[in-house]
Structure formats: C-alpha cells, structure tokens
PDB file of N, CA and C in Angstrom:
ATOM      1  N   MET A   1       0.200  -0.437 -82.713  1.00  0.00           N
ATOM      2  CA  MET A   1       0.462  -1.662 -82.388  1.00  0.00           C
ATOM      3  C   MET A   1       1.518  -1.651 -81.236  1.00  0.00           C
ATOM      4  N   PHE A   2       1.587  -2.709 -80.435  1.00  0.00           N
ATOM      5  CA  PHE A   2       2.437  -2.757 -79.204  1.00  0.00           C
ATOM      6  C   PHE A   2       3.188  -4.018 -79.274  1.00  0.00           C
ATOM      7  N   ARG A   3       4.465  -3.994 -78.922  1.00  0.00           N
ATOM      8  CA  ARG A   3       5.299  -5.151 -78.701  1.00  0.00           C
ATOM      9  C   ARG A   3       5.146  -5.688 -77.227  1.00  0.00           C
ATOM     10  N   VAL A   4       5.052  -6.984 -77.105  1.00  0.00           N
ATOM     11  CA  VAL A   4       5.059  -7.575 -75.791  1.00  0.00           C
ATOM     12  C   VAL A   4       6.396  -8.150 -75.548  1.00  0.00           C
ATOM     13  N   LEU A   5       7.155  -7.682 -74.532  1.00  0.00           N
ATOM     14  CA  LEU A   5       8.484  -8.073 -74.281  1.00  0.00           C
ATOM     15  C   LEU A   5       8.601  -8.965 -73.013  1.00  0.00           C
ATOM     16  N   LEU A   6       9.453  -9.911 -73.134  1.00  0.00           N
ATOM     17  CA  LEU A   6       9.843 -10.696 -71.996  1.00  0.00           C
ATOM     18  C   LEU A   6      11.254 -10.344 -71.643  1.00  0.00           C
ATOM     19  N   HIS A   7      11.544 -10.230 -70.302  1.00  0.00           N
ATOM     20  CA  HIS A   7      12.788  -9.750 -69.838  1.00  0.00           C
ATOM     21  C   HIS A   7      13.501 -11.009 -69.127  1.00  0.00           C
ATOM     22  N   ASN A   8      14.788 -11.037 -69.282  1.00  0.00           N
ATOM     23  CA  ASN A   8      15.620 -12.057 -68.637  1.00  0.00           C
ATOM     24  C   ASN A   8      15.745 -11.829 -67.131  1.00  0.00           C
ATOM     25  N   ASP A   9      15.834 -12.945 -66.437  1.00  0.00           N
ATOM     26  CA  ASP A   9      16.184 -12.895 -64.976  1.00  0.00           C
ATOM     27  C   ASP A   9      16.947 -14.148 -64.715  1.00  0.00           C
ATOM     28  N   ASP A  10      17.484 -14.210 -63.530  1.00  0.00           N
ATOM     29  CA  ASP A  10      18.352 -15.399 -63.178  1.00  0.00           C
ATOM     30  C   ASP A  10      17.578 -16.491 -62.535  1.00  0.00           C
ATOM     31  N   TYR A  11      16.232 -16.500 -62.455  1.00  0.00           N
ATOM     32  CA  TYR A  11      15.472 -17.495 -61.773  1.00  0.00           C
ATOM     33  C   TYR A  11      14.488 -18.273 -62.568  1.00  0.00           C
ATOM     34  N   THR A  12      13.865 -17.639 -63.549  1.00  0.00           N
ATOM     35  CA  THR A  12      12.786 -18.288 -64.353  1.00  0.00           C
ATOM     36  C   THR A  12      13.395 -19.284 -65.281  1.00  0.00           C
ATOM     37  N   PRO A  13      12.982 -20.595 -65.173  1.00  0.00           N
ATOM     38  CA  PRO A  13      13.545 -21.605 -66.086  1.00  0.00           C
ATOM     39  C   PRO A  13      13.255 -21.424 -67.525  1.00  0.00           C
ATOM     40  N   MET A  14      14.134 -21.721 -68.376  1.00  0.00           N
ATOM     41  CA  MET A  14      13.951 -21.604 -69.806  1.00  0.00           C
ATOM     42  C   MET A  14      12.798 -22.418 -70.284  1.00  0.00           C
ATOM     43  N   ASP A  15      12.484 -23.524 -69.716  1.00  0.00           N
ATOM     44  CA  ASP A  15      11.300 -24.344 -70.109  1.00  0.00           C
ATOM     45  C   ASP A  15       9.990 -23.599 -69.740  1.00  0.00           C
ATOM     46  N   PHE A  16       9.966 -22.802 -68.691  1.00  0.00           N
ATOM     47  CA  PHE A  16       8.768 -22.054 -68.359  1.00  0.00           C
ATOM     48  C   PHE A  16       8.588 -20.992 -69.420  1.00  0.00           C
ATOM     49  N   VAL A  17       9.649 -20.269 -69.801  1.00  0.00           N
ATOM     50  CA  VAL A  17       9.494 -19.256 -70.817  1.00  0.00           C
ATOM     51  C   VAL A  17       8.983 -19.833 -72.154  1.00  0.00           C
ATOM     52  N   ILE A  18       9.505 -21.002 -72.462  1.00  0.00           N
ATOM     53  CA  ILE A  18       9.023 -21.664 -73.695  1.00  0.00           C
ATOM     54  C   ILE A  18       7.568 -22.007 -73.603  1.00  0.00           C
ATOM     55  N   MET A  19       7.175 -22.551 -72.392  1.00  0.00           N
ATOM     56  CA  MET A  19       5.789 -22.796 -72.219  1.00  0.00           C
ATOM     57  C   MET A  19       4.927 -21.562 -72.351  1.00  0.00           C
ATOM     58  N   VAL A  20       5.274 -20.493 -71.768  1.00  0.00           N
ATOM     59  CA  VAL A  20       4.534 -19.235 -71.908  1.00  0.00           C
ATOM     60  C   VAL A  20       4.472 -18.840 -73.322  1.00  0.00           C
ATOM     61  N   LEU A  21       5.526 -18.882 -74.034  1.00  0.00           N
ATOM     62  CA  LEU A  21       5.519 -18.489 -75.496  1.00  0.00           C
ATOM     63  C   LEU A  21       4.627 -19.469 -76.362  1.00  0.00           C
ATOM     64  N   ARG A  22       4.527 -20.707 -75.947  1.00  0.00           N
ATOM     65  CA  ARG A  22       3.599 -21.603 -76.755  1.00  0.00           C
ATOM     66  C   ARG A  22       2.227 -21.440 -76.356  1.00  0.00           C
ATOM     67  N   GLU A  23       2.027 -21.324 -75.003  1.00  0.00           N
ATOM     68  CA  GLU A  23       0.541 -21.280 -74.552  1.00  0.00           C
ATOM     69  C   GLU A  23      -0.098 -19.930 -74.636  1.00  0.00           C
ATOM     70  N   VAL A  24       0.629 -18.874 -74.298  1.00  0.00           N
ATOM     71  CA  VAL A  24       0.026 -17.575 -74.262  1.00  0.00           C
ATOM     72  C   VAL A  24       0.204 -16.871 -75.640  1.00  0.00           C
ATOM     73  N   PHE A  25       1.279 -17.051 -76.347  1.00  0.00           N
ATOM     74  CA  PHE A  25       1.470 -16.420 -77.545  1.00  0.00           C
ATOM     75  C   PHE A  25       1.347 -17.282 -78.785  1.00  0.00           C
ATOM     76  N   ARG A  26       1.065 -18.578 -78.582  1.00  0.00           N
ATOM     77  CA  ARG A  26       0.770 -19.514 -79.662  1.00  0.00           C
ATOM     78  C   ARG A  26       1.910 -19.674 -80.648  1.00  0.00           C
ATOM     79  N   LYS A  27       3.126 -19.694 -80.131  1.00  0.00           N
ATOM     80  CA  LYS A  27       4.324 -19.817 -80.945  1.00  0.00           C
ATOM     81  C   LYS A  27       4.576 -21.312 -81.137  1.00  0.00           C
ATOM     82  N   GLU A  28       5.091 -21.684 -82.310  1.00  0.00           N
ATOM     83  CA  GLU A  28       5.561 -23.060 -82.543  1.00  0.00           C
ATOM     84  C   GLU A  28       6.752 -23.292 -81.702  1.00  0.00           C
ATOM     85  N   GLU A  29       7.167 -24.577 -81.411  1.00  0.00           N
ATOM     86  CA  GLU A  29       8.284 -24.971 -80.625  1.00  0.00           C
ATOM     87  C   GLU A  29       9.584 -24.248 -80.952  1.00  0.00           C
ATOM     88  N   LEU A  30      10.001 -24.306 -82.227  1.00  0.00           N
ATOM     89  CA  LEU A  30      11.171 -23.668 -82.712  1.00  0.00           C
ATOM     90  C   LEU A  30      11.247 -22.207 -82.446  1.00  0.00           C
ATOM     91  N   GLN A  31      10.134 -21.560 -82.865  1.00  0.00           N
ATOM     92  CA  GLN A  31      10.066 -20.099 -82.693  1.00  0.00           C
ATOM     93  C   GLN A  31      10.117 -19.672 -81.208  1.00  0.00           C
ATOM     94  N   ALA A  32       9.440 -20.538 -80.411  1.00  0.00           N
ATOM     95  CA  ALA A  32       9.493 -20.245 -78.926  1.00  0.00           C
ATOM     96  C   ALA A  32      10.904 -20.435 -78.315  1.00  0.00           C
ATOM     97  N   VAL A  33      11.563 -21.390 -78.839  1.00  0.00           N
ATOM     98  CA  VAL A  33      13.020 -21.577 -78.346  1.00  0.00           C
ATOM     99  C   VAL A  33      13.897 -20.383 -78.780  1.00  0.00           C
ATOM    100  N   GLN A  34      13.741 -19.947 -80.031  1.00  0.00           N
ATOM    101  CA  GLN A  34      14.447 -18.873 -80.555  1.00  0.00           C
ATOM    102  C   GLN A  34      14.230 -17.531 -79.765  1.00  0.00           C
ATOM    103  N   ILE A  35      13.013 -17.352 -79.474  1.00  0.00           N
ATOM    104  CA  ILE A  35      12.676 -16.096 -78.632  1.00  0.00           C
ATOM    105  C   ILE A  35      13.224 -16.259 -77.210  1.00  0.00           C
ATOM    106  N   MET A  36      13.103 -17.418 -76.630  1.00  0.00           N
ATOM    107  CA  MET A  36      13.657 -17.679 -75.266  1.00  0.00           C
ATOM    108  C   MET A  36      15.088 -17.467 -75.221  1.00  0.00           C
ATOM    109  N   LEU A  37      15.839 -17.916 -76.320  1.00  0.00           N
ATOM    110  CA  LEU A  37      17.290 -17.708 -76.404  1.00  0.00           C
ATOM    111  C   LEU A  37      17.632 -16.237 -76.552  1.00  0.00           C
ATOM    112  N   ALA A  38      16.811 -15.496 -77.240  1.00  0.00           N
ATOM    113  CA  ALA A  38      17.039 -14.030 -77.306  1.00  0.00           C
ATOM    114  C   ALA A  38      16.865 -13.377 -76.029  1.00  0.00           C
ATOM    115  N   VAL A  39      15.900 -13.781 -75.244  1.00  0.00           N
ATOM    116  CA  VAL A  39      15.662 -13.294 -73.893  1.00  0.00           C
ATOM    117  C   VAL A  39      16.895 -13.597 -73.075  1.00  0.00           C
ATOM    118  N   HIS A  40      17.302 -14.843 -73.152  1.00  0.00           N
ATOM    119  CA  HIS A  40      18.489 -15.274 -72.310  1.00  0.00           C
ATOM    120  C   HIS A  40      19.769 -14.569 -72.697  1.00  0.00           C
ATOM    121  N   LYS A  41      20.052 -14.425 -73.978  1.00  0.00           N
ATOM    122  CA  LYS A  41      21.354 -13.863 -74.435  1.00  0.00           C
ATOM    123  C   LYS A  41      21.344 -12.395 -74.461  1.00  0.00           C
ATOM    124  N   ARG A  42      20.244 -11.780 -74.826  1.00  0.00           N
ATOM    125  CA  ARG A  42      20.221 -10.281 -75.030  1.00  0.00           C
ATOM    126  C   ARG A  42      19.503  -9.573 -73.870  1.00  0.00           C
ATOM    127  N   GLY A  43      18.854 -10.379 -73.008  1.00  0.00           N
ATOM    128  CA  GLY A  43      18.187  -9.733 -71.831  1.00  0.00           C
ATOM    129  C   GLY A  43      16.739  -9.322 -72.139  1.00  0.00           C
ATOM    130  N   LEU A  44      16.305  -9.540 -73.375  1.00  0.00           N
ATOM    131  CA  LEU A  44      15.005  -9.082 -73.819  1.00  0.00           C
ATOM    132  C   LEU A  44      14.599  -9.770 -75.126  1.00  0.00           C
ATOM    133  N   GLY A  45      13.335 -10.132 -75.269  1.00  0.00           N
ATOM    134  CA  GLY A  45      12.863 -10.692 -76.436  1.00  0.00           C
ATOM    135  C   GLY A  45      11.345 -10.337 -76.719  1.00  0.00           C
ATOM    136  N   VAL A  46      11.087 -10.224 -77.999  1.00  0.00           N
ATOM    137  CA  VAL A  46       9.765  -9.868 -78.403  1.00  0.00           C
ATOM    138  C   VAL A  46       8.878 -11.039 -78.524  1.00  0.00           C
ATOM    139  N   ALA A  47       7.844 -11.163 -77.713  1.00  0.00           N
ATOM    140  CA  ALA A  47       7.014 -12.321 -77.771  1.00  0.00           C
ATOM    141  C   ALA A  47       5.895 -12.152 -78.876  1.00  0.00           C
ATOM    142  N   GLY A  48       5.621 -10.965 -79.252  1.00  0.00           N
ATOM    143  CA  GLY A  48       4.635 -10.749 -80.278  1.00  0.00           C
ATOM    144  C   GLY A  48       4.269  -9.249 -80.348  1.00  0.00           C
ATOM    145  N   ILE A  49       3.546  -8.907 -81.395  1.00  0.00           N
ATOM    146  CA  ILE A  49       3.081  -7.579 -81.650  1.00  0.00           C
ATOM    147  C   ILE A  49       1.580  -7.606 -81.870  1.00  0.00           C
ATOM    148  N   TYR A  50       0.899  -6.728 -81.046  1.00  0.00           N
ATOM    149  CA  TYR A  50      -0.575  -6.807 -80.974  1.00  0.00           C
ATOM    150  C   TYR A  50      -1.162  -5.473 -80.859  1.00  0.00           C
ATOM    151  N   PRO A  51      -2.467  -5.300 -81.012  1.00  0.00           N
ATOM    152  CA  PRO A  51      -3.131  -4.123 -80.711  1.00  0.00           C
ATOM    153  C   PRO A  51      -3.086  -3.914 -79.166  1.00  0.00           C
ATOM    154  N   HIS A  52      -3.226  -2.707 -78.732  1.00  0.00           N
ATOM    155  CA  HIS A  52      -2.984  -2.303 -77.338  1.00  0.00           C
ATOM    156  C   HIS A  52      -3.766  -3.232 -76.338  1.00  0.00           C
ATOM    157  N   GLU A  53      -5.051  -3.423 -76.556  1.00  0.00           N
ATOM    158  CA  GLU A  53      -5.817  -4.221 -75.610  1.00  0.00           C
ATOM    159  C   GLU A  53      -5.325  -5.654 -75.497  1.00  0.00           C
ATOM    160  N   VAL A  54      -4.988  -6.286 -76.640  1.00  0.00           N
ATOM    161  CA  VAL A  54      -4.488  -7.647 -76.718  1.00  0.00           C
ATOM    162  C   VAL A  54      -3.118  -7.713 -75.975  1.00  0.00           C
ATOM    163  N   ALA A  55      -2.185  -6.762 -76.301  1.00  0.00           N
ATOM    164  CA  ALA A  55      -0.946  -6.688 -75.658  1.00  0.00           C
ATOM    165  C   ALA A  55      -1.051  -6.613 -74.124  1.00  0.00           C
ATOM    166  N   GLU A  56      -1.910  -5.811 -73.684  1.00  0.00           N
ATOM    167  CA  GLU A  56      -2.131  -5.625 -72.271  1.00  0.00           C
ATOM    168  C   GLU A  56      -2.634  -6.946 -71.592  1.00  0.00           C
ATOM    169  N   THR A  57      -3.554  -7.532 -72.269  1.00  0.00           N
ATOM    170  CA  THR A  57      -4.081  -8.754 -71.740  1.00  0.00           C
ATOM    171  C   THR A  57      -3.027  -9.878 -71.659  1.00  0.00           C
ATOM    172  N   LYS A  58      -2.219 -10.035 -72.728  1.00  0.00           N
ATOM    173  CA  LYS A  58      -1.183 -11.068 -72.739  1.00  0.00           C
ATOM    174  C   LYS A  58      -0.164 -10.734 -71.609  1.00  0.00           C
ATOM    175  N   MET A  59       0.166  -9.455 -71.453  1.00  0.00           N
ATOM    176  CA  MET A  59       1.113  -9.092 -70.393  1.00  0.00           C
ATOM    177  C   MET A  59       0.517  -9.512 -69.061  1.00  0.00           C
ATOM    178  N   HIS A  60      -0.730  -9.247 -68.786  1.00  0.00           N
ATOM    179  CA  HIS A  60      -1.362  -9.614 -67.619  1.00  0.00           C
ATOM    180  C   HIS A  60      -1.304 -11.117 -67.389  1.00  0.00           C
ATOM    181  N   VAL A  61      -1.671 -11.852 -68.409  1.00  0.00           N
ATOM    182  CA  VAL A  61      -1.690 -13.347 -68.266  1.00  0.00           C
ATOM    183  C   VAL A  61      -0.271 -13.878 -67.948  1.00  0.00           C
ATOM    184  N   VAL A  62       0.792 -13.362 -68.591  1.00  0.00           N
ATOM    185  CA  VAL A  62       2.117 -13.810 -68.316  1.00  0.00           C
ATOM    186  C   VAL A  62       2.482 -13.480 -66.890  1.00  0.00           C
ATOM    187  N   THR A  63       2.164 -12.307 -66.395  1.00  0.00           N
ATOM    188  CA  THR A  63       2.509 -11.878 -65.127  1.00  0.00           C
ATOM    189  C   THR A  63       1.838 -12.798 -64.112  1.00  0.00           C
ATOM    190  N   GLU A  64       0.512 -13.107 -64.282  1.00  0.00           N
ATOM    191  CA  GLU A  64      -0.189 -13.961 -63.366  1.00  0.00           C
ATOM    192  C   GLU A  64       0.324 -15.392 -63.364  1.00  0.00           C
ATOM    193  N   LEU A  65       0.673 -15.877 -64.565  1.00  0.00           N
ATOM    194  CA  LEU A  65       1.276 -17.242 -64.641  1.00  0.00           C
ATOM    195  C   LEU A  65       2.610 -17.309 -63.875  1.00  0.00           C
ATOM    196  N   ALA A  66       3.417 -16.345 -64.047  1.00  0.00           N
ATOM    197  CA  ALA A  66       4.748 -16.249 -63.371  1.00  0.00           C
ATOM    198  C   ALA A  66       4.477 -16.204 -61.859  1.00  0.00           C
ATOM    199  N   LYS A  67       3.604 -15.360 -61.412  1.00  0.00           N
ATOM    200  CA  LYS A  67       3.284 -15.246 -59.990  1.00  0.00           C
ATOM    201  C   LYS A  67       2.828 -16.635 -59.452  1.00  0.00           C
ATOM    202  N   THR A  68       1.901 -17.279 -60.150  1.00  0.00           N
ATOM    203  CA  THR A  68       1.377 -18.533 -59.763  1.00  0.00           C
ATOM    204  C   THR A  68       2.492 -19.617 -59.534  1.00  0.00           C
ATOM    205  N   HIS A  69       3.396 -19.539 -60.398  1.00  0.00           N
ATOM    206  CA  HIS A  69       4.577 -20.492 -60.360  1.00  0.00           C
ATOM    207  C   HIS A  69       5.745 -19.978 -59.576  1.00  0.00           C
ATOM    208  N   GLU A  70       5.615 -18.753 -59.000  1.00  0.00           N
ATOM    209  CA  GLU A  70       6.628 -18.138 -58.130  1.00  0.00           C
ATOM    210  C   GLU A  70       7.905 -17.866 -58.846  1.00  0.00           C
ATOM    211  N   TYR A  71       7.785 -17.391 -60.143  1.00  0.00           N
ATOM    212  CA  TYR A  71       8.955 -16.939 -60.888  1.00  0.00           C
ATOM    213  C   TYR A  71       8.823 -15.474 -61.080  1.00  0.00           C
ATOM    214  N   PRO A  72       9.972 -14.793 -61.179  1.00  0.00           N
ATOM    215  CA  PRO A  72       9.999 -13.283 -61.376  1.00  0.00           C
ATOM    216  C   PRO A  72       9.970 -12.861 -62.784  1.00  0.00           C
ATOM    217  N   LEU A  73       9.557 -13.655 -63.727  1.00  0.00           N
ATOM    218  CA  LEU A  73       9.475 -13.290 -65.071  1.00  0.00           C
ATOM    219  C   LEU A  73       8.772 -11.937 -65.341  1.00  0.00           C
ATOM    220  N   LYS A  74       9.454 -11.023 -65.999  1.00  0.00           N
ATOM    221  CA  LYS A  74       8.902  -9.610 -66.128  1.00  0.00           C
ATOM    222  C   LYS A  74       8.442  -9.578 -67.620  1.00  0.00           C
ATOM    223  N   CYS A  75       7.235  -9.062 -67.818  1.00  0.00           N
ATOM    224  CA  CYS A  75       6.670  -8.910 -69.104  1.00  0.00           C
ATOM    225  C   CYS A  75       6.183  -7.455 -69.240  1.00  0.00           C
ATOM    226  N   THR A  76       6.552  -6.792 -70.303  1.00  0.00           N
ATOM    227  CA  THR A  76       6.188  -5.313 -70.500  1.00  0.00           C
ATOM    228  C   THR A  76       5.634  -5.223 -71.960  1.00  0.00           C
ATOM    229  N   ILE A  77       5.082  -4.042 -72.144  1.00  0.00           N
ATOM    230  CA  ILE A  77       4.700  -3.716 -73.519  1.00  0.00           C
ATOM    231  C   ILE A  77       5.272  -2.321 -73.824  1.00  0.00           C
ATOM    232  N   GLU A  78       5.437  -2.148 -75.168  1.00  0.00           N
ATOM    233  CA  GLU A  78       5.996  -0.873 -75.637  1.00  0.00           C
ATOM    234  C   GLU A  78       5.366  -0.608 -77.048  1.00  0.00           C
ATOM    235  N   VAL A  79       5.269   0.704 -77.427  1.00  0.00           N
ATOM    236  CA  VAL A  79       4.721   1.067 -78.730  1.00  0.00           C
ATOM    237  C   VAL A  79       5.697   0.559 -79.768  1.00  0.00           C
ATOM    238  N   GLU A  80       5.078  -0.079 -80.795  1.00  0.00           N
ATOM    239  CA  GLU A  80       5.853  -0.595 -81.984  1.00  0.00           C
ATOM    240  C   GLU A  80       6.435   0.577 -82.729  1.00  0.00           C
TER     241      GLU A  80
END
C-alpha cells in the first residue's frame, strides 16, 4: 500500500486543497479540513492510502488539477 501525500506551499489556497481532498479523495468536509490543516501546520498531510496504481493515478490527477488552476500544490506517494 502507498500513502498519497500533499505538501504545503505558500501559494495554494486552503479552499483548493479542501476541494481536492473532497473531489479526488472523496473525503467528508470535516476530514478534508483536518487533513488540510495538517498540511498547513506540519507541512505534509496524508490524503489517503491506496494500492500502488490507485495512488499513482490520484497523484497524477492532483498534479494536473493544480497545474490547471496554476497552483504549485505538490503531491507525492510513498510506501506505507
């Protein structure tokens, strides 16, 4: 299994991160806010844990969404 991680930056709005967590990772509002705050305060947050192919796909979707909206949101995966 692989963790999908979101990394903090000084430009991506918190609302965008919450939207990504809700739309891409299917998190409920409260959980999305909690993960976003972890990203903001700790510099890193776990968006979800998935099999390798799913994790890679979600990472790619997040990266493309961020590029489309011209935000530098960084998304990576790592082994659980």
